[in-house]
């Protein structure tokens, strides 16, 4: 007997990921410009660290917060590279940045609280806010500001119900990098109004012509989220972290321990090696991404499609006349893209293309799109 039962209103209010949907319907010979996943192999020293951990029997639960060696290395990294005063006790190792965003929403947001999110912005932000019974409020990212979030944008959007602001620099899907004055200014605005800042910095190392600044450098109430997926091509390891002041970290830990218990033990060993091992693979990967960026911008321009040049991440977000048709036609030609409306109201005239795929495949994808 089939019983018709309704899901919760929280779950009913959100949709399955448009990015994943496009990935699933792609044909066998399709070239995917949809997923944000580096095509590079995980560096061998990182794989060796995970393998060694498994061979040595390091395959059981760890502390809920993560192994102390990794948390100390993360705290040291944050202090040296990001100017964030941190300690192992203020770091929680998570199952990627995705869990970290979800944990923040569940721990900090009450029903009816407003969460300011970039628009266009990564689709998880809105969904996770809704799953916490919060209200996502888009901050319009304006072309006149070179598609960067500014202090004025935030001030225009704050209300008495605002509980948190999400920053994402470099941005997914735009690739813009926020200026220091705006990161600092927004941190000060948040402090003045008792608002949390949730800073998603997973693309911090993938920057071409600019510099990354962390909100945690300017505010003790900023929560820093990062992961190893993009920087070290470790998407399948599902390993990330949250850094926050001790009082906030304790609340975040309550959620994390009940939904994940702990991150994968062997993945934690791999992450430790990623931080402490050689970094030359990161530099070479970013150099290759820049070549791909220049290729895709040139080819789109040759098709008469103007596209802002991204300063970071590995996405372009061009405006097109009919995004739905553009994506549909591309799929027929064997090229997977994502309609910009998946990233918010302001993305409705755009499409997102990821250039996290091999140079020759990117050339082939552009040839297909240009063909009649």
Protein backbone atom coordinates (compact mmCIF):
# COMPACT_ATOMS: atom_id res chain seq x y z
CA UNK A 1 0.00 0.00 0.00
CA UNK A 2 1.32 3.45 -0.96
CA UNK A 3 0.78 6.16 1.65
CA UNK A 4 0.90 9.74 0.38
CA UNK A 5 2.85 11.76 2.91
CA UNK A 6 4.06 15.32 2.56
CA UNK A 7 7.64 16.37 3.08
CA UNK A 8 8.44 19.26 5.39
CA UNK A 9 7.70 22.75 4.14
CA UNK A 10 11.38 23.59 4.47
CA UNK A 11 12.33 20.87 2.01
CA UNK A 12 9.41 21.55 -0.31
CA UNK A 13 10.52 25.19 -0.63
CA UNK A 14 13.79 24.32 -2.35
CA UNK A 15 14.69 22.60 -5.62
CA UNK A 16 17.30 20.02 -6.48
CA UNK A 17 20.55 21.55 -7.73
CA UNK A 18 20.33 22.78 -11.33
CA UNK A 19 24.06 22.15 -11.65
CA UNK A 20 23.68 18.48 -10.78
CA UNK A 21 20.59 18.14 -12.96
CA UNK A 22 22.49 19.33 -16.03
CA UNK A 23 25.33 16.98 -15.19
CA UNK A 24 23.01 14.00 -14.93
CA UNK A 25 21.23 14.59 -18.26
CA UNK A 26 24.43 15.08 -20.26
CA UNK A 27 25.11 12.58 -23.03
CA UNK A 28 28.04 10.18 -22.99
CA UNK A 29 30.15 12.31 -25.33
CA UNK A 30 29.14 15.64 -23.87
CA UNK A 31 31.75 18.10 -22.63
CA UNK A 32 30.73 19.41 -19.26
CA UNK A 33 31.23 23.09 -18.56
CA UNK A 34 28.72 22.77 -15.76
CA UNK A 35 30.48 21.36 -12.70
CA UNK A 36 32.94 23.35 -10.62
CA UNK A 37 35.45 20.53 -10.30
CA UNK A 38 39.12 20.86 -11.25
CA UNK A 39 40.11 18.21 -13.78
CA UNK A 40 43.61 17.94 -12.36
CA UNK A 41 44.74 14.83 -10.52
CA UNK A 42 45.09 15.12 -6.77
CA UNK A 43 48.85 15.60 -6.08
CA UNK A 44 50.57 12.29 -5.40
CA UNK A 45 51.93 13.29 -2.00
CA UNK A 46 48.35 13.88 -0.81
CA UNK A 47 47.17 10.52 -2.16
CA UNK A 48 50.16 8.84 -0.50
CA UNK A 49 49.24 10.41 2.86
CA UNK A 50 45.69 9.05 2.64
CA UNK A 51 46.97 5.63 1.55
CA UNK A 52 49.48 5.52 4.39
CA UNK A 53 46.75 6.43 6.89
CA UNK A 54 44.59 3.55 5.69
CA UNK A 55 47.49 1.08 5.64
CA UNK A 56 48.37 2.05 9.20
CA UNK A 57 44.80 1.46 10.35
CA UNK A 58 43.85 5.12 10.75
CA UNK A 59 40.31 4.32 9.62
CA UNK A 60 38.19 5.05 12.68
CA UNK A 61 36.40 8.00 14.24
CA UNK A 62 38.41 11.04 15.20
CA UNK A 63 37.51 13.84 17.56
CA UNK A 64 34.31 15.58 16.47
CA UNK A 65 36.36 18.70 15.73
CA UNK A 66 39.01 16.82 13.78
CA UNK A 67 42.54 15.65 14.53
CA UNK A 68 44.57 18.14 16.52
CA UNK A 69 47.47 18.19 14.03
CA UNK A 70 45.19 19.31 11.20
CA UNK A 71 43.39 21.91 13.29
CA UNK A 72 46.72 23.36 14.43
CA UNK A 73 47.93 23.49 10.82
CA UNK A 74 44.73 25.23 9.72
CA UNK A 75 44.99 27.77 12.55
CA UNK A 76 48.62 28.43 11.60
CA UNK A 77 47.65 28.85 7.94
CA UNK A 78 44.87 31.29 8.82
CA UNK A 79 47.17 33.40 10.95
CA UNK A 80 50.07 33.51 8.49
CA UNK A 81 48.16 33.80 5.21
CA UNK A 82 44.87 35.45 6.14
CA UNK A 83 45.72 37.59 9.15
CA UNK A 84 43.12 35.77 11.26
CA UNK A 85 43.90 35.17 14.91
CA UNK A 86 42.96 31.52 15.36
CA UNK A 87 43.69 28.43 17.42
CA UNK A 88 43.00 24.72 17.13
CA UNK A 89 40.10 25.12 19.56
CA UNK A 90 38.34 27.50 17.16
CA UNK A 91 38.61 25.22 14.11
CA UNK A 92 36.15 22.49 13.14
CA UNK A 93 37.06 20.11 10.32
CA UNK A 94 33.96 19.49 8.20
CA UNK A 95 32.73 17.28 5.37
CA UNK A 96 33.63 19.89 2.77
CA UNK A 97 32.52 23.51 2.61
CA UNK A 98 28.97 22.36 1.82
CA UNK A 99 28.52 20.94 5.31
CA UNK A 100 30.16 24.04 6.76
CA UNK A 101 27.57 26.34 5.17
CA UNK A 102 24.73 24.12 6.35
CA UNK A 103 26.13 23.97 9.89
CA UNK A 104 26.38 27.76 10.07
CA UNK A 105 22.77 28.21 9.01
CA UNK A 106 21.43 25.60 11.42
CA UNK A 107 23.43 26.94 14.36
CA UNK A 108 22.89 30.67 13.85
CA UNK A 109 19.58 31.26 12.05
CA UNK A 110 16.17 31.36 13.73
CA UNK A 111 12.85 31.19 11.85
CA UNK A 112 12.27 34.48 10.04
CA UNK A 113 15.87 35.69 10.30
CA UNK A 114 17.15 37.26 7.10
CA UNK A 115 20.39 36.10 5.50
CA UNK A 116 21.97 38.44 2.97
CA UNK A 117 23.44 36.49 0.07
CA UNK A 118 25.14 37.60 -3.14
CA UNK A 119 22.84 37.71 -6.17
CA UNK A 120 24.11 36.12 -8.37
CA UNK A 121 25.56 33.73 -5.81
CA UNK A 122 26.19 30.06 -5.19
CA UNK A 123 22.86 28.25 -5.05
CA UNK A 124 23.57 26.45 -1.74
CA UNK A 125 23.37 29.69 0.23
CA UNK A 126 19.68 30.26 -0.43
CA UNK A 127 18.79 26.59 0.02
CA UNK A 128 20.62 26.27 3.33
CA UNK A 129 19.03 29.47 4.63
CA UNK A 130 15.58 28.10 3.79
CA UNK A 131 16.38 24.74 5.41
CA UNK A 132 17.04 26.68 8.62
CA UNK A 133 13.67 28.48 8.26
CA UNK A 134 15.56 31.64 7.43
CA UNK A 135 14.76 34.14 4.69
CA UNK A 136 17.42 34.55 1.98
CA UNK A 137 17.67 38.14 0.74
CA UNK A 138 19.65 38.77 -2.42
CA UNK A 139 22.22 41.56 -2.52
CA UNK A 140 22.21 42.75 -6.12
CA UNK A 141 25.73 42.55 -7.54
CA UNK A 142 25.98 45.50 -9.90
CA UNK A 143 27.81 45.83 -13.20
CA UNK A 144 28.86 49.41 -12.36
CA UNK A 145 30.84 47.96 -9.42
CA UNK A 146 32.60 45.44 -11.68
CA UNK A 147 30.28 42.77 -10.26
CA UNK A 148 31.80 43.05 -6.77
CA UNK A 149 29.81 43.30 -3.56
CA UNK A 150 30.31 46.70 -1.90
CA UNK A 151 29.55 48.31 1.47
CA UNK A 152 26.75 50.34 -0.09
CA UNK A 153 25.15 47.18 -1.48
CA UNK A 154 25.05 45.72 2.03
CA UNK A 155 23.75 48.89 3.67
CA UNK A 156 20.89 49.01 1.16
CA UNK A 157 19.83 45.48 2.12
CA UNK A 158 20.10 45.45 5.93
CA UNK A 159 16.89 45.40 7.97
CA UNK A 160 16.23 44.78 11.69
CA UNK A 161 15.74 41.10 10.77
CA UNK A 162 19.18 40.68 9.20
CA UNK A 163 21.10 37.99 11.08
CA UNK A 164 23.96 37.09 8.74
CA UNK A 165 25.78 38.20 5.60
CA UNK A 166 27.46 35.71 3.29
CA UNK A 167 30.61 36.83 1.48
CA UNK A 168 32.10 34.78 -1.34
CA UNK A 169 35.33 36.07 -2.84
CA UNK A 170 36.42 35.00 -5.40
CA UNK A 171 32.84 34.56 -6.43
CA UNK A 172 30.97 31.59 -7.77
CA UNK A 173 29.48 32.11 -10.39
CA UNK A 174 30.99 35.47 -11.38
CA UNK A 175 34.69 35.14 -10.59
CA UNK A 176 34.92 38.65 -9.15
CA UNK A 177 37.25 39.42 -6.23
CA UNK A 178 36.20 41.84 -3.51
CA UNK A 179 38.31 44.89 -2.68
CA UNK A 180 39.96 45.20 0.71
CA UNK A 181 38.00 48.37 1.53
CA UNK A 182 34.69 46.57 1.01
CA UNK A 183 35.63 43.42 2.94
CA UNK A 184 36.81 45.59 5.83
CA UNK A 185 33.84 47.95 5.55
CA UNK A 186 31.28 45.14 5.54
CA UNK A 187 33.00 43.57 8.56
CA UNK A 188 32.63 46.89 10.40
CA UNK A 189 28.98 47.19 9.34
CA UNK A 190 28.32 43.69 10.64
CA UNK A 191 29.98 44.44 13.98
CA UNK A 192 28.03 47.69 14.37
CA UNK A 193 24.74 45.88 13.74
CA UNK A 194 25.42 42.58 15.58
CA UNK A 195 25.30 40.60 12.34
CA UNK A 196 27.32 37.49 11.61
CA UNK A 197 29.58 37.34 8.58
CA UNK A 198 29.91 33.93 6.94
CA UNK A 199 32.88 34.15 4.57
CA UNK A 200 33.12 31.37 1.98
CA UNK A 201 36.74 31.42 0.79
CA UNK A 202 37.07 28.14 -1.10
CA UNK A 203 38.53 29.85 -4.18
CA UNK A 204 41.02 32.04 -2.29
CA UNK A 205 44.10 30.56 -4.00
CA UNK A 206 42.59 30.65 -7.50
CA UNK A 207 43.19 34.34 -8.20
CA UNK A 208 44.87 35.78 -11.29
CA UNK A 209 45.18 39.55 -11.20
CA UNK A 210 44.07 40.56 -7.74
CA UNK A 211 44.48 39.71 -4.03
CA UNK A 212 42.29 37.90 -1.53
CA UNK A 213 41.20 39.45 1.77
CA UNK A 214 39.47 37.61 4.59
CA UNK A 215 36.68 39.15 6.65
CA UNK A 216 38.10 37.38 9.71
CA UNK A 217 41.08 39.71 9.50
CA UNK A 218 38.79 42.60 10.40
CA UNK A 219 36.18 41.09 12.71
CA UNK A 220 36.25 38.51 15.51
CA UNK A 221 32.63 37.68 14.71
CA UNK A 222 33.39 36.61 11.15
CA UNK A 223 33.15 32.89 10.42
CA UNK A 224 35.62 31.63 7.84
CA UNK A 225 34.73 28.65 5.64
CA UNK A 226 37.27 26.97 3.41
CA UNK A 227 37.97 23.58 1.85
CA UNK A 228 40.65 21.58 0.10
CA UNK A 229 38.48 20.64 -2.89
CA UNK A 230 39.34 23.42 -5.32
CA UNK A 231 42.88 24.37 -4.30
CA UNK A 232 44.24 20.83 -4.21
CA UNK A 233 41.83 19.05 -6.62
CA UNK A 234 40.44 17.03 -3.69
CA UNK A 235 36.70 17.24 -4.39
CA UNK A 236 36.09 13.56 -3.66
CA UNK A 237 37.86 13.71 -0.30
CA UNK A 238 35.03 15.88 1.07
CA UNK A 239 37.16 17.82 3.53
CA UNK A 240 36.84 21.43 4.63
CA UNK A 241 36.76 23.54 7.77
CA UNK A 242 35.15 26.33 9.75
CA UNK A 243 37.06 28.85 11.85
CA UNK A 244 35.18 31.04 14.33
CA UNK A 245 35.65 32.55 17.75
CA UNK A 246 35.36 30.05 20.59
CA UNK A 247 31.79 30.90 21.60
CA UNK A 248 30.47 30.58 18.03
CA UNK A 249 32.56 27.45 17.36
CA UNK A 250 30.90 25.71 20.31
CA UNK A 251 27.45 26.30 18.81
CA UNK A 252 28.60 25.15 15.37
CA UNK A 253 30.07 22.00 16.87
CA UNK A 254 26.68 21.02 18.30
CA UNK A 255 25.25 20.78 14.79
CA UNK A 256 28.33 19.22 13.20
CA UNK A 257 28.61 16.40 15.71
CA UNK A 258 25.04 15.26 15.14
CA UNK A 259 25.02 15.34 11.34
CA UNK A 260 28.54 14.11 10.59
CA UNK A 261 30.21 13.02 13.86
CA UNK A 262 33.55 13.78 12.23
CA UNK A 263 35.15 14.17 8.84
CA UNK A 264 36.81 11.14 7.22
CA UNK A 265 39.91 10.18 9.20
CA UNK A 266 42.09 9.38 6.19
CA UNK A 267 40.89 12.51 4.37
CA UNK A 268 42.05 14.53 7.37
CA UNK A 269 45.54 13.07 7.02
CA UNK A 270 45.46 13.94 3.33
CA UNK A 271 44.41 17.51 4.15
CA UNK A 272 47.27 17.83 6.62
CA UNK A 273 49.72 16.82 3.91
CA UNK A 274 48.08 19.28 1.51
CA UNK A 275 48.78 22.15 3.89
CA UNK A 276 52.26 21.10 4.98
CA UNK A 277 53.54 19.57 1.76
CA UNK A 278 54.84 21.26 -1.43
CA UNK A 279 52.59 23.91 -2.98
CA UNK A 280 53.97 23.91 -6.53
CA UNK A 281 50.91 22.04 -7.84
CA UNK A 282 48.69 24.93 -6.77
CA UNK A 283 50.73 27.47 -8.71
CA UNK A 284 50.81 25.36 -11.87
CA UNK A 285 47.06 24.70 -11.66
CA UNK A 286 46.26 28.41 -11.32
CA UNK A 287 48.56 29.21 -14.25
CA UNK A 288 46.69 26.69 -16.40
CA UNK A 289 43.32 28.06 -15.29
CA UNK A 290 44.41 31.52 -16.41
CA UNK A 291 45.25 30.17 -19.90
CA UNK A 292 41.82 28.57 -20.08
CA UNK A 293 40.13 31.74 -18.89
CA UNK A 294 41.81 33.74 -21.64
CA UNK A 295 40.79 31.13 -24.23
CA UNK A 296 37.11 31.05 -23.26
CA UNK A 297 36.86 34.85 -23.08
CA UNK A 298 38.43 35.16 -26.55
CA UNK A 299 36.19 32.51 -28.08
CA UNK A 300 32.99 33.92 -26.55
CA UNK A 301 33.96 37.38 -27.78
CA UNK A 302 34.42 35.91 -31.26
CA UNK A 303 30.81 34.71 -31.09
CA UNK A 304 29.68 38.23 -30.25
CA UNK A 305 29.15 37.42 -26.56
CA UNK A 306 30.56 40.01 -24.19
CA UNK A 307 31.81 38.59 -20.93
CA UNK A 308 33.41 40.24 -17.87
CA UNK A 309 36.93 38.92 -17.33
CA UNK A 310 36.95 37.03 -14.01
CA UNK A 311 39.76 37.78 -11.56
CA UNK A 312 39.43 34.46 -9.77
CA UNK A 313 37.74 31.05 -9.50
CA UNK A 314 37.17 29.18 -12.80
CA UNK A 315 33.84 30.42 -14.15
CA UNK A 316 32.64 32.90 -16.73
CA UNK A 317 29.16 34.39 -16.47
CA UNK A 318 28.28 36.00 -19.82
CA UNK A 319 24.99 37.70 -20.57
CA UNK A 320 23.11 36.11 -23.49
CA UNK A 321 19.84 36.95 -25.23
CA UNK A 322 17.99 33.78 -24.31
CA UNK A 323 19.77 31.74 -21.62
CA UNK A 324 17.30 28.84 -21.70
CA UNK A 325 17.71 28.43 -25.47
CA UNK A 326 21.47 28.93 -25.26
CA UNK A 327 21.80 26.15 -22.69
CA UNK A 328 19.36 23.88 -24.58
CA UNK A 329 21.12 24.42 -27.92
CA UNK A 330 24.46 23.79 -26.25
CA UNK A 331 23.21 20.52 -24.80
CA UNK A 332 22.10 19.38 -28.27
CA UNK A 333 25.66 20.08 -29.45
CA UNK A 334 27.10 18.12 -26.54
CA UNK A 335 28.11 21.03 -24.30
CA UNK A 336 26.76 21.22 -20.76
CA UNK A 337 26.25 24.68 -19.22
CA UNK A 338 24.09 26.06 -16.40
CA UNK A 339 21.32 28.66 -16.76
CA UNK A 340 22.24 31.72 -14.74
CA UNK A 341 18.83 31.87 -13.07
CA UNK A 342 19.99 29.00 -10.84
CA UNK A 343 22.22 31.53 -9.08
CA UNK A 344 19.57 34.11 -8.29
CA UNK A 345 17.26 36.65 -9.87
CA UNK A 346 20.14 38.77 -11.15
CA UNK A 347 21.51 35.80 -13.07
CA UNK A 348 18.40 35.36 -15.21
CA UNK A 349 20.03 36.90 -18.31
CA UNK A 350 23.22 34.89 -17.97
CA UNK A 351 24.73 31.44 -18.26
CA UNK A 352 27.58 29.97 -16.26
CA UNK A 353 30.41 28.13 -17.96
CA UNK A 354 33.12 26.41 -15.95
CA UNK A 355 36.58 26.20 -17.49
CA UNK A 356 37.74 23.57 -15.00
CA UNK A 357 38.27 21.15 -17.88
CA UNK A 358 41.23 20.35 -20.10
CA UNK A 359 42.35 23.01 -22.60
CA UNK A 360 41.76 20.80 -25.63
CA UNK A 361 38.27 19.88 -24.42
CA UNK A 362 37.54 23.55 -23.83
CA UNK A 363 38.58 24.31 -27.41
CA UNK A 364 36.31 21.53 -28.67
CA UNK A 365 33.42 22.82 -26.56
CA UNK A 366 33.84 26.29 -28.05
CA UNK A 367 33.97 24.82 -31.56
CA UNK A 368 30.71 23.01 -30.90
CA UNK A 369 28.98 26.11 -29.55
CA UNK A 370 30.13 28.15 -32.54
CA UNK A 371 28.94 25.58 -35.08
CA UNK A 372 25.58 26.00 -36.83
